[in-house]
Amino acid sequence: PRHCFHPARLPPKRQSTLSSLPPYAWPPPPDKTVRVLVTGASGFIATHVCKLAAEQTHSVRGTVRSLHNACKIEPLRAAVPHIELFEADLLSDEGWSEAMQGCEYVFHVASPFPLHAPADENDLLRPAVEGTLRVLRAAVAEASVKRVIVTSSVAAISAGHAATATLPAARVLPAANARRAGRHRRRHGRCRT
């Protein structure tokens, strides 16, 4: 029957056409041989990046802090069923080289995003800076990586500034964060990361 899987009926595997693209062309043409890595895959933005990459028929890998945190992993697996997950922490070298193996593109989306301002700013800055450097070092060490896309966080601009007339966002963002936190708790329960 036509719907049965049979290797002889598969179309011939085509070669990647990435080398023929202009240097900043994104997304690359749909091709299952293109493997992308999304760091912090269980986060809100990263889950959407994973889903979009999968819809482009790319092979998607993701990093999470813990593979045992079901309230983070289950929504991600529901959105991207065939994602390949790796455990990697921004403050540790373990797991990054394995996660990047064979990846052509790395979306570095992982960054700490506390719901409340931390007592010590290094609780926010250290993982963000060291984690980004760690991801970049691992990408340089992996020969297959062609491009790294680094994102930032609203936490980079929403904390540490006095609420003044010159910074109206400092008054708006706390309310927006509270609404976002409420939506997150309704969707995901009380996840502890």
Protein backbone atom coordinates (compact mmCIF):
# COMPACT_ATOMS: atom_id res chain seq x y z
CA PRO A 1 0.00 0.00 0.00
CA ARG A 2 1.00 3.57 -0.62
CA HIS A 3 0.95 4.64 3.05
CA CYS A 4 3.38 1.93 4.23
CA PHE A 5 6.98 2.81 4.95
CA HIS A 6 9.40 1.19 2.59
CA PRO A 7 13.00 2.34 2.10
CA ALA A 8 12.80 1.88 -1.67
CA ARG A 9 9.94 4.41 -1.85
CA LEU A 10 11.85 7.17 -0.04
CA PRO A 11 13.03 10.09 -2.15
CA PRO A 12 16.80 10.27 -2.61
CA LYS A 13 18.56 12.12 0.20
CA ARG A 14 19.46 15.58 -0.96
CA GLN A 15 22.60 17.45 -0.12
CA SER A 16 22.39 20.45 2.21
CA THR A 17 22.26 23.71 0.30
CA LEU A 18 23.52 25.87 3.17
CA SER A 19 26.82 26.62 1.44
CA SER A 20 24.95 28.24 -1.46
CA LEU A 21 23.03 30.64 0.81
CA PRO A 22 24.12 34.21 1.50
CA PRO A 23 26.04 34.47 4.79
CA TYR A 24 23.07 35.76 6.84
CA ALA A 25 20.23 33.76 5.34
CA TRP A 26 17.91 32.35 7.98
CA PRO A 27 16.09 30.03 8.19
CA PRO A 28 17.99 27.53 6.10
CA PRO A 29 15.91 25.42 3.70
CA PRO A 30 13.87 22.67 5.37
CA ASP A 31 16.16 19.70 5.71
CA LYS A 32 16.13 17.03 8.42
CA THR A 33 19.91 16.87 8.23
CA VAL A 34 20.11 20.37 9.77
CA ARG A 35 20.42 19.94 13.52
CA VAL A 36 19.81 22.90 15.83
CA LEU A 37 20.44 23.24 19.56
CA VAL A 38 18.26 25.45 21.75
CA THR A 39 19.62 26.16 25.23
CA GLY A 40 17.13 26.48 28.08
CA ALA A 41 14.62 24.60 25.95
CA SER A 42 11.96 24.38 28.67
CA GLY A 43 11.71 28.18 28.92
CA PHE A 44 8.84 30.12 27.37
CA ILE A 45 10.69 31.67 24.42
CA ALA A 46 12.95 28.66 23.90
CA THR A 47 9.98 26.29 23.66
CA HIS A 48 8.62 28.43 20.83
CA VAL A 49 12.03 28.46 19.12
CA CYS A 50 12.12 24.64 19.38
CA LYS A 51 8.62 24.37 17.96
CA LEU A 52 9.39 26.69 15.04
CA ALA A 53 12.60 24.80 14.23
CA ALA A 54 10.71 21.50 14.31
CA GLU A 55 8.03 22.96 12.03
CA GLN A 56 10.84 23.86 9.60
CA THR A 57 11.56 20.10 9.73
CA HIS A 58 14.90 20.58 11.44
CA SER A 59 16.24 18.04 13.91
CA VAL A 60 15.94 19.80 17.28
CA ARG A 61 18.05 19.32 20.39
CA GLY A 62 17.52 21.16 23.64
CA THR A 63 19.27 21.64 26.94
CA VAL A 64 17.52 21.71 30.29
CA ARG A 65 18.88 21.97 33.83
CA SER A 66 17.35 18.66 34.87
CA LEU A 67 15.88 15.82 32.85
CA HIS A 68 13.97 14.76 35.98
CA ASN A 69 11.84 17.92 36.34
CA ALA A 70 8.58 16.66 34.85
CA CYS A 71 6.70 19.96 35.17
CA LYS A 72 9.30 21.55 32.86
CA ILE A 73 9.85 18.63 30.47
CA GLU A 74 6.24 17.53 29.81
CA PRO A 75 5.01 20.82 28.26
CA LEU A 76 8.14 20.90 26.08
CA ARG A 77 7.63 17.30 24.90
CA ALA A 78 3.96 18.11 24.20
CA ALA A 79 5.00 21.05 21.99
CA VAL A 80 7.97 19.28 20.32
CA PRO A 81 7.49 15.50 20.59
CA HIS A 82 10.73 14.48 18.81
CA ILE A 83 13.08 16.83 20.64
CA GLU A 84 16.35 15.34 21.84
CA LEU A 85 17.06 16.61 25.37
CA PHE A 86 20.38 16.98 27.17
CA GLU A 87 21.08 17.97 30.75
CA ALA A 88 23.37 21.01 30.94
CA ASP A 89 23.67 23.82 33.49
CA LEU A 90 24.94 27.32 32.75
CA LEU A 91 27.33 27.07 35.71
CA SER A 92 28.87 23.73 34.74
CA ASP A 93 30.92 22.52 31.75
CA GLU A 94 29.25 19.11 31.83
CA GLY A 95 26.89 18.20 29.00
CA TRP A 96 27.54 21.08 26.60
CA SER A 97 29.88 19.32 24.18
CA GLU A 98 27.56 16.29 23.95
CA ALA A 99 24.54 18.52 23.33
CA MET A 100 26.30 20.44 20.52
CA GLN A 101 27.69 17.41 18.73
CA GLY A 102 26.62 17.59 15.08
CA CYS A 103 24.62 20.82 15.48
CA GLU A 104 24.93 23.51 12.83
CA TYR A 105 23.01 26.24 14.65
CA VAL A 106 22.89 27.09 18.36
CA PHE A 107 20.18 29.31 19.81
CA HIS A 108 21.42 30.42 23.21
CA VAL A 109 18.16 31.33 24.94
CA ALA A 110 18.95 30.03 28.45
CA SER A 111 19.30 32.75 31.04
CA PRO A 112 18.20 33.07 34.64
CA PHE A 113 14.85 34.84 34.98
CA PRO A 114 13.81 35.17 38.62
CA LEU A 115 10.27 36.31 39.42
CA HIS A 116 11.65 38.59 42.14
CA ALA A 117 14.85 40.63 42.20
CA PRO A 118 17.62 38.54 43.76
CA ALA A 119 19.29 39.77 46.97
CA ASP A 120 22.68 39.60 45.26
CA GLU A 121 22.91 40.71 41.63
CA ASN A 122 25.56 38.04 41.01
CA ASP A 123 22.81 35.41 41.38
CA LEU A 124 21.53 36.79 38.07
CA LEU A 125 24.70 38.03 36.38
CA ARG A 126 27.05 35.11 37.04
CA PRO A 127 24.92 32.41 35.35
CA ALA A 128 24.07 34.74 32.46
CA VAL A 129 27.65 35.81 31.71
CA GLU A 130 29.42 32.55 32.53
CA GLY A 131 26.70 30.53 30.80
CA THR A 132 26.98 32.55 27.60
CA LEU A 133 30.77 32.20 27.62
CA ARG A 134 30.44 28.47 28.29
CA VAL A 135 28.04 28.01 25.34
CA LEU A 136 30.29 30.06 23.04
CA ARG A 137 33.39 28.06 24.03
CA ALA A 138 31.56 24.77 23.40
CA ALA A 139 30.35 26.07 20.03
CA VAL A 140 33.87 27.06 18.99
CA ALA A 141 35.12 23.60 19.98
CA GLU A 142 32.44 21.85 17.88
CA ALA A 143 33.44 21.92 14.21
CA SER A 144 29.88 21.49 12.90
CA VAL A 145 28.55 24.73 14.46
CA LYS A 146 28.16 27.41 11.79
CA ARG A 147 26.28 30.08 13.71
CA VAL A 148 25.34 30.96 17.29
CA ILE A 149 22.32 33.15 17.96
CA VAL A 150 22.41 34.76 21.42
CA THR A 151 19.28 36.25 22.96
CA SER A 152 18.95 38.48 25.98
CA SER A 153 16.41 38.74 28.76
CA VAL A 154 14.06 41.49 29.85
CA ALA A 155 15.82 41.08 33.20
CA ALA A 156 18.76 42.92 31.60
CA ILE A 157 16.71 46.13 31.51
CA SER A 158 13.91 45.72 34.04
CA ALA A 159 15.86 45.59 37.30
CA GLY A 160 18.40 47.80 38.99
CA HIS A 161 16.99 51.14 37.80
CA ALA A 162 15.15 53.72 39.88
CA ALA A 163 11.53 54.28 38.87
CA THR A 164 11.81 57.75 37.36
CA ALA A 165 10.07 59.72 34.67
CA THR A 166 12.93 58.85 32.29
CA LEU A 167 12.34 55.12 32.79
CA PRO A 168 8.58 54.50 32.54
CA ALA A 169 9.20 50.80 31.90
CA ALA A 170 10.52 50.43 35.47
CA ARG A 171 6.98 51.10 36.72
CA VAL A 172 5.22 49.03 34.05
CA LEU A 173 7.36 45.89 34.08
CA PRO A 174 6.71 44.78 37.69
CA ALA A 175 2.97 44.59 36.97
CA ALA A 176 3.61 42.79 33.70
CA ASN A 177 5.93 40.35 35.49
CA ALA A 178 3.26 39.65 38.12
CA ARG A 179 0.69 38.90 35.39
CA ARG A 180 3.19 36.67 33.59
CA ALA A 181 4.03 34.84 36.80
CA GLY A 182 0.34 34.24 37.46
CA ARG A 183 -0.19 32.83 33.96
CA HIS A 184 2.89 30.63 34.37
CA ARG A 185 1.61 29.20 37.68
CA ARG A 186 -1.83 28.51 36.18
CA ARG A 187 -0.26 26.69 33.22
CA HIS A 188 2.58 24.86 34.92
CA GLY A 189 1.76 24.71 38.60
CA ARG A 190 4.45 25.55 41.11
CA CYS A 191 7.62 24.39 39.35
CA ARG A 192 10.78 24.74 41.38
CA THR A 193 13.88 25.12 39.27
